[in-house]
Amino acid sequence: METFKVVINDEDQYSIWPAHRENPSGWRDEGVRGTREECLEHIDRVWTDMRPRSVRERLGVG
């Protein structure tokens, strides 16, 4: 079974990436590793506002 990791970019957008691979440019480890399903469940819990951070800041939200 392949292990994945949760990655996040500077806009606070989340994704999953194979744990054995180097992160894509502009993305850093968020700290969670597990099965694809575990990683996606984590993202569902923590990524509550899908708007990029720059948009939220422009609107004065979070």
Protein backbone atom coordinates (compact mmCIF):
# COMPACT_ATOMS: atom_id res chain seq x y z
CA MET A 1 0.00 0.00 0.00
CA GLU A 2 1.41 3.39 -1.00
CA THR A 3 1.95 6.04 1.67
CA PHE A 4 1.01 9.63 0.94
CA LYS A 5 1.75 12.95 2.62
CA VAL A 6 -0.28 16.12 2.88
CA VAL A 7 1.40 19.12 1.28
CA ILE A 8 0.47 22.80 1.42
CA ASN A 9 1.48 25.80 -0.66
CA ASP A 10 1.91 29.50 0.15
CA GLU A 11 -1.75 30.13 -0.64
CA ASP A 12 -2.80 27.61 2.08
CA GLN A 13 -4.08 25.16 -0.53
CA TYR A 14 -3.75 21.47 0.32
CA SER A 15 -2.99 18.39 -1.74
CA ILE A 16 -1.63 14.89 -1.31
CA TRP A 17 1.62 13.62 -2.75
CA PRO A 18 3.37 10.23 -2.72
CA ALA A 19 5.46 10.19 0.47
CA HIS A 20 8.54 8.82 -1.29
CA ARG A 21 8.66 11.65 -3.84
CA GLU A 22 10.18 15.10 -3.49
CA ASN A 23 7.56 17.80 -3.07
CA PRO A 24 6.56 19.69 -6.19
CA SER A 25 7.98 23.20 -6.46
CA GLY A 26 6.16 25.65 -4.18
CA TRP A 27 4.76 22.98 -1.85
CA ARG A 28 5.92 21.96 1.64
CA ASP A 29 5.07 19.12 4.01
CA GLU A 30 2.07 19.83 6.21
CA GLY A 31 2.99 17.04 8.62
CA VAL A 32 0.45 14.27 8.00
CA ARG A 33 1.28 10.96 6.33
CA GLY A 34 -0.85 7.89 5.78
CA THR A 35 -3.04 6.18 3.25
CA ARG A 36 -4.63 8.20 0.49
CA GLU A 37 -7.94 8.07 2.35
CA GLU A 38 -6.40 9.17 5.68
CA CYS A 39 -4.70 12.13 4.02
CA LEU A 40 -7.87 13.17 2.20
CA GLU A 41 -9.89 12.88 5.43
CA HIS A 42 -7.37 15.14 7.17
CA ILE A 43 -7.64 17.72 4.38
CA ASP A 44 -11.45 17.61 4.64
CA ARG A 45 -11.16 18.42 8.37
CA VAL A 46 -8.65 21.27 8.15
CA TRP A 47 -9.25 22.97 4.78
CA THR A 48 -12.53 24.67 5.60
CA ASP A 49 -12.15 27.70 3.33
CA MET A 50 -11.14 26.75 -0.19
CA ARG A 51 -10.34 30.30 -1.25
CA PRO A 52 -6.62 31.03 -1.67
CA ARG A 53 -5.07 33.00 1.19
CA SER A 54 -4.48 36.04 -1.05
CA VAL A 55 -8.21 36.21 -1.82
CA ARG A 56 -9.17 35.86 1.85
CA GLU A 57 -6.72 38.60 2.81
CA ARG A 58 -8.02 40.90 0.07
CA LEU A 59 -11.56 40.37 1.39
CA GLY A 60 -10.43 40.86 4.98
CA VAL A 61 -11.40 37.30 6.00
CA GLY A 62 -9.07 35.10 8.10
